[in-house]
């Protein structure tokens, strides 16, 4: 394997690893959205 191929392979693996880590971080840190309870809208009897 020549130098340019090795540099390309390492840089692509680094970019993919960083992007994966970034998106995992965003998923774990982002607060969940407050969504209304959809079942309460479908109830016929008020509780």
Foldseek 3Di string as FASTA:
>chain_A
DDDVVVVVVVVVVVVVVVVVVVVVVCVVPDDDDDDDDPVCVVDPDHD
